[in-house]
Amino acid sequence: MSEKKSDPDLENAHVWLESVSAGLGQDPAVIQALVNELLDLTRDVAHGPSRPAAPLTAFLVGLASGRAVGTDAGPEAVVDKARENIGQVLHLLRKA
């Protein structure tokens, strides 16, 4: 798992992501739990198969995770599914 990153840009990112979560009606605990893993994932995709695909890969992880658990699932279920999906993408990266 990733180390906790701490810098002004990341602090600004947390503020931004909390605002976006609220604006989209989402529990900010989900992104807070996954931010380092998603940053690592997008870095690995950007430095691997495709830089432009990095944010879109993170979007697909979120989309698949939300659809898999459904709208009534709590944040823990979403985080667990997202971590599972991140693992699947990392496996694909190792094979690429």
PDB file of N, CA and C in Angstrom:
ATOM      1  N   MET A   1       0.834  -1.172   0.000  1.00  0.00           N
ATOM      2  CA  MET A   1       0.000   0.000   0.000  1.00  0.00           C
ATOM      3  C   MET A   1       0.881   1.238   0.000  1.00  0.00           C
ATOM      4  N   SER A   2       0.342   2.319  -0.445  1.00  0.00           N
ATOM      5  CA  SER A   2       1.099   3.544  -0.591  1.00  0.00           C
ATOM      6  C   SER A   2       1.363   4.216   0.744  1.00  0.00           C
ATOM      7  N   GLU A   3       2.492   4.928   0.799  1.00  0.00           N
ATOM      8  CA  GLU A   3       2.750   5.777   1.949  1.00  0.00           C
ATOM      9  C   GLU A   3       1.837   6.987   1.859  1.00  0.00           C
ATOM     10  N   LYS A   4       1.562   7.591   3.001  1.00  0.00           N
ATOM     11  CA  LYS A   4       0.769   8.817   3.009  1.00  0.00           C
ATOM     12  C   LYS A   4       1.618   9.941   2.430  1.00  0.00           C
ATOM     13  N   LYS A   5       1.137  10.556   1.381  1.00  0.00           N
ATOM     14  CA  LYS A   5       1.851  11.653   0.751  1.00  0.00           C
ATOM     15  C   LYS A   5       1.423  12.953   1.429  1.00  0.00           C
ATOM     16  N   SER A   6       2.354  13.877   1.612  1.00  0.00           N
ATOM     17  CA  SER A   6       2.020  15.148   2.236  1.00  0.00           C
ATOM     18  C   SER A   6       2.786  16.266   1.555  1.00  0.00           C
ATOM     19  N   ASP A   7       2.066  17.125   0.899  1.00  0.00           N
ATOM     20  CA  ASP A   7       2.638  18.320   0.307  1.00  0.00           C
ATOM     21  C   ASP A   7       1.499  19.282   0.026  1.00  0.00           C
ATOM     22  N   PRO A   8       1.812  20.559  -0.243  1.00  0.00           N
ATOM     23  CA  PRO A   8       0.739  21.538  -0.466  1.00  0.00           C
ATOM     24  C   PRO A   8      -0.202  21.156  -1.606  1.00  0.00           C
ATOM     25  N   ASP A   9       0.341  20.607  -2.694  1.00  0.00           N
ATOM     26  CA  ASP A   9      -0.528  20.219  -3.805  1.00  0.00           C
ATOM     27  C   ASP A   9      -1.517  19.149  -3.386  1.00  0.00           C
ATOM     28  N   LEU A  10      -1.045  18.184  -2.605  1.00  0.00           N
ATOM     29  CA  LEU A  10      -1.934  17.116  -2.168  1.00  0.00           C
ATOM     30  C   LEU A  10      -2.959  17.637  -1.163  1.00  0.00           C
ATOM     31  N   GLU A  11      -2.550  18.561  -0.316  1.00  0.00           N
ATOM     32  CA  GLU A  11      -3.508  19.171   0.612  1.00  0.00           C
ATOM     33  C   GLU A  11      -4.590  19.907  -0.165  1.00  0.00           C
ATOM     34  N   ASN A  12      -4.192  20.644  -1.208  1.00  0.00           N
ATOM     35  CA  ASN A  12      -5.173  21.317  -2.064  1.00  0.00           C
ATOM     36  C   ASN A  12      -6.063  20.305  -2.770  1.00  0.00           C
ATOM     37  N   ALA A  13      -5.481  19.186  -3.166  1.00  0.00           N
ATOM     38  CA  ALA A  13      -6.266  18.135  -3.817  1.00  0.00           C
ATOM     39  C   ALA A  13      -7.337  17.602  -2.878  1.00  0.00           C
ATOM     40  N   HIS A  14      -6.981  17.387  -1.618  1.00  0.00           N
ATOM     41  CA  HIS A  14      -7.964  16.882  -0.651  1.00  0.00           C
ATOM     42  C   HIS A  14      -9.120  17.867  -0.481  1.00  0.00           C
ATOM     43  N   VAL A  15      -8.807  19.158  -0.399  1.00  0.00           N
ATOM     44  CA  VAL A  15      -9.857  20.179  -0.280  1.00  0.00           C
ATOM     45  C   VAL A  15     -10.746  20.148  -1.521  1.00  0.00           C
ATOM     46  N   TRP A  16     -10.121  20.091  -2.687  1.00  0.00           N
ATOM     47  CA  TRP A  16     -10.864  20.054  -3.944  1.00  0.00           C
ATOM     48  C   TRP A  16     -11.747  18.806  -4.022  1.00  0.00           C
ATOM     49  N   LEU A  17     -11.170  17.647  -3.708  1.00  0.00           N
ATOM     50  CA  LEU A  17     -11.912  16.392  -3.812  1.00  0.00           C
ATOM     51  C   LEU A  17     -13.073  16.337  -2.828  1.00  0.00           C
ATOM     52  N   GLU A  18     -12.906  16.927  -1.654  1.00  0.00           N
ATOM     53  CA  GLU A  18     -14.016  16.993  -0.699  1.00  0.00           C
ATOM     54  C   GLU A  18     -15.138  17.861  -1.254  1.00  0.00           C
ATOM     55  N   SER A  19     -14.775  18.968  -1.879  1.00  0.00           N
ATOM     56  CA  SER A  19     -15.769  19.850  -2.484  1.00  0.00           C
ATOM     57  C   SER A  19     -16.493  19.159  -3.639  1.00  0.00           C
ATOM     58  N   VAL A  20     -15.739  18.481  -4.486  1.00  0.00           N
ATOM     59  CA  VAL A  20     -16.348  17.765  -5.614  1.00  0.00           C
ATOM     60  C   VAL A  20     -17.242  16.639  -5.108  1.00  0.00           C
ATOM     61  N   SER A  21     -16.787  15.914  -4.099  1.00  0.00           N
ATOM     62  CA  SER A  21     -17.606  14.838  -3.519  1.00  0.00           C
ATOM     63  C   SER A  21     -18.937  15.390  -3.042  1.00  0.00           C
ATOM     64  N   ALA A  22     -18.890  16.499  -2.315  1.00  0.00           N
ATOM     65  CA  ALA A  22     -20.124  17.114  -1.818  1.00  0.00           C
ATOM     66  C   ALA A  22     -21.002  17.574  -2.978  1.00  0.00           C
ATOM     67  N   GLY A  23     -20.385  18.192  -3.977  1.00  0.00           N
ATOM     68  CA  GLY A  23     -21.143  18.676  -5.124  1.00  0.00           C
ATOM     69  C   GLY A  23     -21.813  17.570  -5.916  1.00  0.00           C
ATOM     70  N   LEU A  24     -21.209  16.389  -5.903  1.00  0.00           N
ATOM     71  CA  LEU A  24     -21.773  15.246  -6.627  1.00  0.00           C
ATOM     72  C   LEU A  24     -22.595  14.332  -5.729  1.00  0.00           C
ATOM     73  N   GLY A  25     -22.761  14.730  -4.470  1.00  0.00           N
ATOM     74  CA  GLY A  25     -23.565  13.930  -3.542  1.00  0.00           C
ATOM     75  C   GLY A  25     -22.912  12.626  -3.139  1.00  0.00           C
ATOM     76  N   GLN A  26     -21.580  12.612  -3.079  1.00  0.00           N
ATOM     77  CA  GLN A  26     -20.848  11.395  -2.728  1.00  0.00           C
ATOM     78  C   GLN A  26     -20.190  11.545  -1.364  1.00  0.00           C
ATOM     79  N   ASP A  27     -20.013  10.425  -0.681  1.00  0.00           N
ATOM     80  CA  ASP A  27     -19.356  10.423   0.617  1.00  0.00           C
ATOM     81  C   ASP A  27     -17.862  10.675   0.402  1.00  0.00           C
ATOM     82  N   PRO A  28     -17.314  11.745   0.969  1.00  0.00           N
ATOM     83  CA  PRO A  28     -15.894  12.027   0.774  1.00  0.00           C
ATOM     84  C   PRO A  28     -14.977  10.968   1.375  1.00  0.00           C
ATOM     85  N   ALA A  29     -15.499  10.121   2.242  1.00  0.00           N
ATOM     86  CA  ALA A  29     -14.680   9.053   2.830  1.00  0.00           C
ATOM     87  C   ALA A  29     -14.169   8.097   1.757  1.00  0.00           C
ATOM     88  N   VAL A  30     -14.909   7.948   0.678  1.00  0.00           N
ATOM     89  CA  VAL A  30     -14.493   7.019  -0.383  1.00  0.00           C
ATOM     90  C   VAL A  30     -13.209   7.512  -1.040  1.00  0.00           C
ATOM     91  N   ILE A  31     -13.204   8.744  -1.507  1.00  0.00           N
ATOM     92  CA  ILE A  31     -12.000   9.248  -2.177  1.00  0.00           C
ATOM     93  C   ILE A  31     -10.858   9.414  -1.190  1.00  0.00           C
ATOM     94  N   GLN A  32     -11.167   9.810   0.040  1.00  0.00           N
ATOM     95  CA  GLN A  32     -10.115   9.948   1.053  1.00  0.00           C
ATOM     96  C   GLN A  32      -9.401   8.619   1.278  1.00  0.00           C
ATOM     97  N   ALA A  33     -10.158   7.538   1.261  1.00  0.00           N
ATOM     98  CA  ALA A  33      -9.573   6.212   1.486  1.00  0.00           C
ATOM     99  C   ALA A  33      -8.740   5.737   0.302  1.00  0.00           C
ATOM    100  N   LEU A  34      -9.032   6.254  -0.880  1.00  0.00           N
ATOM    101  CA  LEU A  34      -8.418   5.722  -2.100  1.00  0.00           C
ATOM    102  C   LEU A  34      -7.439   6.656  -2.794  1.00  0.00           C
ATOM    103  N   VAL A  35      -7.299   7.876  -2.320  1.00  0.00           N
ATOM    104  CA  VAL A  35      -6.540   8.870  -3.079  1.00  0.00           C
ATOM    105  C   VAL A  35      -5.117   8.415  -3.390  1.00  0.00           C
ATOM    106  N   ASN A  36      -4.403   7.877  -2.433  1.00  0.00           N
ATOM    107  CA  ASN A  36      -3.018   7.459  -2.699  1.00  0.00           C
ATOM    108  C   ASN A  36      -2.954   6.296  -3.675  1.00  0.00           C
ATOM    109  N   GLU A  37      -3.872   5.342  -3.530  1.00  0.00           N
ATOM    110  CA  GLU A  37      -3.884   4.200  -4.445  1.00  0.00           C
ATOM    111  C   GLU A  37      -4.231   4.632  -5.870  1.00  0.00           C
ATOM    112  N   LEU A  38      -5.171   5.575  -6.000  1.00  0.00           N
ATOM    113  CA  LEU A  38      -5.530   6.061  -7.329  1.00  0.00           C
ATOM    114  C   LEU A  38      -4.407   6.886  -7.948  1.00  0.00           C
ATOM    115  N   LEU A  39      -3.726   7.683  -7.130  1.00  0.00           N
ATOM    116  CA  LEU A  39      -2.577   8.429  -7.653  1.00  0.00           C
ATOM    117  C   LEU A  39      -1.477   7.485  -8.124  1.00  0.00           C
ATOM    118  N   ASP A  40      -1.231   6.444  -7.348  1.00  0.00           N
ATOM    119  CA  ASP A  40      -0.227   5.458  -7.758  1.00  0.00           C
ATOM    120  C   ASP A  40      -0.649   4.755  -9.044  1.00  0.00           C
ATOM    121  N   LEU A  41      -1.923   4.407  -9.128  1.00  0.00           N
ATOM    122  CA  LEU A  41      -2.427   3.741 -10.327  1.00  0.00           C
ATOM    123  C   LEU A  41      -2.263   4.636 -11.551  1.00  0.00           C
ATOM    124  N   THR A  42      -2.693   5.891 -11.441  1.00  0.00           N
ATOM    125  CA  THR A  42      -2.590   6.777 -12.599  1.00  0.00           C
ATOM    126  C   THR A  42      -1.130   7.023 -12.981  1.00  0.00           C
ATOM    127  N   ARG A  43      -0.246   7.083 -12.001  1.00  0.00           N
ATOM    128  CA  ARG A  43       1.189   7.218 -12.298  1.00  0.00           C
ATOM    129  C   ARG A  43       1.680   6.012 -13.096  1.00  0.00           C
ATOM    130  N   ASP A  44       1.296   4.816 -12.633  1.00  0.00           N
ATOM    131  CA  ASP A  44       1.765   3.598 -13.293  1.00  0.00           C
ATOM    132  C   ASP A  44       1.229   3.484 -14.716  1.00  0.00           C
ATOM    133  N   VAL A  45      -0.015   3.866 -14.918  1.00  0.00           N
ATOM    134  CA  VAL A  45      -0.580   3.828 -16.273  1.00  0.00           C
ATOM    135  C   VAL A  45       0.098   4.886 -17.142  1.00  0.00           C
ATOM    136  N   ALA A  46       0.285   6.080 -16.599  1.00  0.00           N
ATOM    137  CA  ALA A  46       0.903   7.166 -17.366  1.00  0.00           C
ATOM    138  C   ALA A  46       2.334   6.838 -17.766  1.00  0.00           C
ATOM    139  N   HIS A  47       3.047   6.141 -16.905  1.00  0.00           N
ATOM    140  CA  HIS A  47       4.438   5.794 -17.209  1.00  0.00           C
ATOM    141  C   HIS A  47       4.549   4.445 -17.904  1.00  0.00           C
ATOM    142  N   GLY A  48       3.409   3.797 -18.091  1.00  0.00           N
ATOM    143  CA  GLY A  48       3.378   2.507 -18.763  1.00  0.00           C
ATOM    144  C   GLY A  48       2.721   2.632 -20.115  1.00  0.00           C
ATOM    145  N   PRO A  49       1.527   2.083 -20.245  1.00  0.00           N
ATOM    146  CA  PRO A  49       0.925   2.012 -21.569  1.00  0.00           C
ATOM    147  C   PRO A  49       0.525   3.346 -22.184  1.00  0.00           C
ATOM    148  N   SER A  50       0.044   4.322 -21.372  1.00  0.00           N
ATOM    149  CA  SER A  50      -0.474   5.533 -22.007  1.00  0.00           C
ATOM    150  C   SER A  50      -0.726   6.639 -20.996  1.00  0.00           C
ATOM    151  N   ARG A  51      -0.074   7.769 -21.178  1.00  0.00           N
ATOM    152  CA  ARG A  51      -0.314   8.924 -20.307  1.00  0.00           C
ATOM    153  C   ARG A  51      -1.773   9.398 -20.389  1.00  0.00           C
ATOM    154  N   PRO A  52      -2.340   9.586 -21.597  1.00  0.00           N
ATOM    155  CA  PRO A  52      -3.726  10.053 -21.650  1.00  0.00           C
ATOM    156  C   PRO A  52      -4.729   9.071 -21.033  1.00  0.00           C
ATOM    157  N   ALA A  53      -4.376   7.802 -20.988  1.00  0.00           N
ATOM    158  CA  ALA A  53      -5.298   6.807 -20.437  1.00  0.00           C
ATOM    159  C   ALA A  53      -5.305   6.783 -18.910  1.00  0.00           C
ATOM    160  N   ALA A  54      -4.356   7.454 -18.267  1.00  0.00           N
ATOM    161  CA  ALA A  54      -4.254   7.388 -16.807  1.00  0.00           C
ATOM    162  C   ALA A  54      -5.513   7.887 -16.093  1.00  0.00           C
ATOM    163  N   PRO A  55      -5.977   9.113 -16.353  1.00  0.00           N
ATOM    164  CA  PRO A  55      -7.184   9.549 -15.646  1.00  0.00           C
ATOM    165  C   PRO A  55      -8.427   8.772 -16.075  1.00  0.00           C
ATOM    166  N   LEU A  56      -8.443   8.346 -17.327  1.00  0.00           N
ATOM    167  CA  LEU A  56      -9.591   7.580 -17.809  1.00  0.00           C
ATOM    168  C   LEU A  56      -9.637   6.197 -17.169  1.00  0.00           C
ATOM    169  N   THR A  57      -8.474   5.633 -16.868  1.00  0.00           N
ATOM    170  CA  THR A  57      -8.420   4.357 -16.155  1.00  0.00           C
ATOM    171  C   THR A  57      -8.990   4.515 -14.754  1.00  0.00           C
ATOM    172  N   ALA A  58      -8.629   5.610 -14.080  1.00  0.00           N
ATOM    173  CA  ALA A  58      -9.180   5.871 -12.744  1.00  0.00           C
ATOM    174  C   ALA A  58     -10.697   6.044 -12.820  1.00  0.00           C
ATOM    175  N   PHE A  59     -11.173   6.716 -13.864  1.00  0.00           N
ATOM    176  CA  PHE A  59     -12.613   6.858 -14.059  1.00  0.00           C
ATOM    177  C   PHE A  59     -13.276   5.493 -14.215  1.00  0.00           C
ATOM    178  N   LEU A  60     -12.678   4.627 -15.032  1.00  0.00           N
ATOM    179  CA  LEU A  60     -13.247   3.294 -15.246  1.00  0.00           C
ATOM    180  C   LEU A  60     -13.271   2.472 -13.956  1.00  0.00           C
ATOM    181  N   VAL A  61     -12.225   2.601 -13.134  1.00  0.00           N
ATOM    182  CA  VAL A  61     -12.209   1.914 -11.837  1.00  0.00           C
ATOM    183  C   VAL A  61     -13.389   2.392 -10.996  1.00  0.00           C
ATOM    184  N   GLY A  62     -13.599   3.697 -10.946  1.00  0.00           N
ATOM    185  CA  GLY A  62     -14.711   4.241 -10.169  1.00  0.00           C
ATOM    186  C   GLY A  62     -16.063   3.836 -10.718  1.00  0.00           C
ATOM    187  N   LEU A  63     -16.205   3.910 -12.025  1.00  0.00           N
ATOM    188  CA  LEU A  63     -17.463   3.534 -12.670  1.00  0.00           C
ATOM    189  C   LEU A  63     -17.796   2.072 -12.398  1.00  0.00           C
ATOM    190  N   ALA A  64     -16.828   1.200 -12.623  1.00  0.00           N
ATOM    191  CA  ALA A  64     -17.048  -0.234 -12.403  1.00  0.00           C
ATOM    192  C   ALA A  64     -17.336  -0.533 -10.938  1.00  0.00           C
ATOM    193  N   SER A  65     -16.649   0.156 -10.047  1.00  0.00           N
ATOM    194  CA  SER A  65     -16.845  -0.085  -8.616  1.00  0.00           C
ATOM    195  C   SER A  65     -18.236   0.337  -8.175  1.00  0.00           C
ATOM    196  N   GLY A  66     -18.647   1.517  -8.590  1.00  0.00           N
ATOM    197  CA  GLY A  66     -19.973   2.000  -8.219  1.00  0.00           C
ATOM    198  C   GLY A  66     -21.085   1.135  -8.781  1.00  0.00           C
ATOM    199  N   ARG A  67     -20.947   0.742 -10.021  1.00  0.00           N
ATOM    200  CA  ARG A  67     -21.974  -0.111 -10.633  1.00  0.00           C
ATOM    201  C   ARG A  67     -22.026  -1.488  -9.976  1.00  0.00           C
ATOM    202  N   ALA A  68     -20.875  -2.008  -9.597  1.00  0.00           N
ATOM    203  CA  ALA A  68     -20.830  -3.354  -9.019  1.00  0.00           C
ATOM    204  C   ALA A  68     -21.505  -3.417  -7.655  1.00  0.00           C
ATOM    205  N   VAL A  69     -21.339  -2.377  -6.856  1.00  0.00           N
ATOM    206  CA  VAL A  69     -21.906  -2.428  -5.501  1.00  0.00           C
ATOM    207  C   VAL A  69     -23.305  -1.843  -5.426  1.00  0.00           C
ATOM    208  N   GLY A  70     -23.687  -1.018  -6.375  1.00  0.00           N
ATOM    209  CA  GLY A  70     -25.028  -0.459  -6.387  1.00  0.00           C
ATOM    210  C   GLY A  70     -25.149   0.806  -5.556  1.00  0.00           C
ATOM    211  N   THR A  71     -26.269   1.480  -5.732  1.00  0.00           N
ATOM    212  CA  THR A  71     -26.466   2.788  -5.114  1.00  0.00           C
ATOM    213  C   THR A  71     -26.736   2.728  -3.618  1.00  0.00           C
ATOM    214  N   ASP A  72     -27.150   1.593  -3.108  1.00  0.00           N
ATOM    215  CA  ASP A  72     -27.455   1.483  -1.681  1.00  0.00           C
ATOM    216  C   ASP A  72     -26.259   1.056  -0.841  1.00  0.00           C
ATOM    217  N   ALA A  73     -25.135   0.787  -1.460  1.00  0.00           N
ATOM    218  CA  ALA A  73     -23.952   0.313  -0.731  1.00  0.00           C
ATOM    219  C   ALA A  73     -23.328   1.448   0.070  1.00  0.00           C
ATOM    220  N   GLY A  74     -22.754   1.094   1.192  1.00  0.00           N
ATOM    221  CA  GLY A  74     -22.051   2.063   2.013  1.00  0.00           C
ATOM    222  C   GLY A  74     -20.666   2.343   1.467  1.00  0.00           C
ATOM    223  N   PRO A  75     -20.009   3.366   2.006  1.00  0.00           N
ATOM    224  CA  PRO A  75     -18.683   3.727   1.505  1.00  0.00           C
ATOM    225  C   PRO A  75     -17.657   2.610   1.618  1.00  0.00           C
ATOM    226  N   GLU A  76     -17.747   1.796   2.658  1.00  0.00           N
ATOM    227  CA  GLU A  76     -16.776   0.707   2.829  1.00  0.00           C
ATOM    228  C   GLU A  76     -16.853  -0.281   1.678  1.00  0.00           C
ATOM    229  N   ALA A  77     -18.066  -0.588   1.232  1.00  0.00           N
ATOM    230  CA  ALA A  77     -18.242  -1.526   0.121  1.00  0.00           C
ATOM    231  C   ALA A  77     -17.665  -0.953  -1.169  1.00  0.00           C
ATOM    232  N   VAL A  78     -17.861   0.337  -1.376  1.00  0.00           N
ATOM    233  CA  VAL A  78     -17.323   0.977  -2.577  1.00  0.00           C
ATOM    234  C   VAL A  78     -15.796   0.958  -2.546  1.00  0.00           C
ATOM    235  N   VAL A  79     -15.221   1.293  -1.391  1.00  0.00           N
ATOM    236  CA  VAL A  79     -13.760   1.294  -1.248  1.00  0.00           C
ATOM    237  C   VAL A  79     -13.207  -0.106  -1.484  1.00  0.00           C
ATOM    238  N   ASP A  80     -13.843  -1.110  -0.892  1.00  0.00           N
ATOM    239  CA  ASP A  80     -13.376  -2.490  -1.070  1.00  0.00           C
ATOM    240  C   ASP A  80     -13.410  -2.901  -2.536  1.00  0.00           C
ATOM    241  N   LYS A  81     -14.504  -2.579  -3.218  1.00  0.00           N
ATOM    242  CA  LYS A  81     -14.625  -2.942  -4.631  1.00  0.00           C
ATOM    243  C   LYS A  81     -13.617  -2.164  -5.478  1.00  0.00           C
ATOM    244  N   ALA A  82     -13.423  -0.903  -5.163  1.00  0.00           N
ATOM    245  CA  ALA A  82     -12.443  -0.111  -5.912  1.00  0.00           C
ATOM    246  C   ALA A  82     -11.042  -0.685  -5.738  1.00  0.00           C
ATOM    247  N   ARG A  83     -10.704  -1.086  -4.517  1.00  0.00           N
ATOM    248  CA  ARG A  83      -9.382  -1.691  -4.292  1.00  0.00           C
ATOM    249  C   ARG A  83      -9.235  -2.988  -5.085  1.00  0.00           C
ATOM    250  N   GLU A  84     -10.303  -3.756  -5.140  1.00  0.00           N
ATOM    251  CA  GLU A  84     -10.272  -4.985  -5.941  1.00  0.00           C
ATOM    252  C   GLU A  84     -10.047  -4.647  -7.413  1.00  0.00           C
ATOM    253  N   ASN A  85     -10.759  -3.634  -7.902  1.00  0.00           N
ATOM    254  CA  ASN A  85     -10.617  -3.237  -9.305  1.00  0.00           C
ATOM    255  C   ASN A  85      -9.243  -2.642  -9.595  1.00  0.00           C
ATOM    256  N   ILE A  86      -8.694  -1.880  -8.657  1.00  0.00           N
ATOM    257  CA  ILE A  86      -7.335  -1.363  -8.822  1.00  0.00           C
ATOM    258  C   ILE A  86      -6.362  -2.529  -8.947  1.00  0.00           C
ATOM    259  N   GLY A  87      -6.549  -3.541  -8.125  1.00  0.00           N
ATOM    260  CA  GLY A  87      -5.702  -4.733  -8.204  1.00  0.00           C
ATOM    261  C   GLY A  87      -5.790  -5.402  -9.562  1.00  0.00           C
ATOM    262  N   GLN A  88      -6.996  -5.469 -10.129  1.00  0.00           N
ATOM    263  CA  GLN A  88      -7.157  -6.070 -11.452  1.00  0.00           C
ATOM    264  C   GLN A  88      -6.427  -5.264 -12.520  1.00  0.00           C
ATOM    265  N   VAL A  89      -6.514  -3.945 -12.420  1.00  0.00           N
ATOM    266  CA  VAL A  89      -5.824  -3.096 -13.396  1.00  0.00           C
ATOM    267  C   VAL A  89      -4.309  -3.238 -13.244  1.00  0.00           C
ATOM    268  N   LEU A  90      -3.820  -3.283 -12.014  1.00  0.00           N
ATOM    269  CA  LEU A  90      -2.381  -3.468 -11.797  1.00  0.00           C
ATOM    270  C   LEU A  90      -1.911  -4.803 -12.367  1.00  0.00           C
ATOM    271  N   HIS A  91      -2.754  -5.821 -12.259  1.00  0.00           N
ATOM    272  CA  HIS A  91      -2.426  -7.120 -12.855  1.00  0.00           C
ATOM    273  C   HIS A  91      -2.318  -6.983 -14.377  1.00  0.00           C
ATOM    274  N   LEU A  92      -3.255  -6.264 -14.979  1.00  0.00           N
ATOM    275  CA  LEU A  92      -3.193  -6.025 -16.426  1.00  0.00           C
ATOM    276  C   LEU A  92      -1.923  -5.262 -16.805  1.00  0.00           C
ATOM    277  N   LEU A  93      -1.538  -4.301 -15.970  1.00  0.00           N
ATOM    278  CA  LEU A  93      -0.315  -3.539 -16.238  1.00  0.00           C
ATOM    279  C   LEU A  93       0.920  -4.428 -16.221  1.00  0.00           C
ATOM    280  N   ARG A  94       0.963  -5.359 -15.290  1.00  0.00           N
ATOM    281  CA  ARG A  94       2.119  -6.265 -15.201  1.00  0.00           C
ATOM    282  C   ARG A  94       2.208  -7.158 -16.430  1.00  0.00           C
ATOM    283  N   LYS A  95       1.057  -7.471 -17.021  1.00  0.00           N
ATOM    284  CA  LYS A  95       1.035  -8.327 -18.205  1.00  0.00           C
ATOM    285  C   LYS A  95       1.324  -7.538 -19.481  1.00  0.00           C
ATOM    286  N   ALA A  96       1.147  -6.226 -19.423  1.00  0.00           N
ATOM    287  CA  ALA A  96       1.301  -5.386 -20.631  1.00  0.00           C
ATOM    288  C   ALA A  96       2.750  -5.265 -21.052  1.00  0.00           C
TER     289      ALA A  96
END
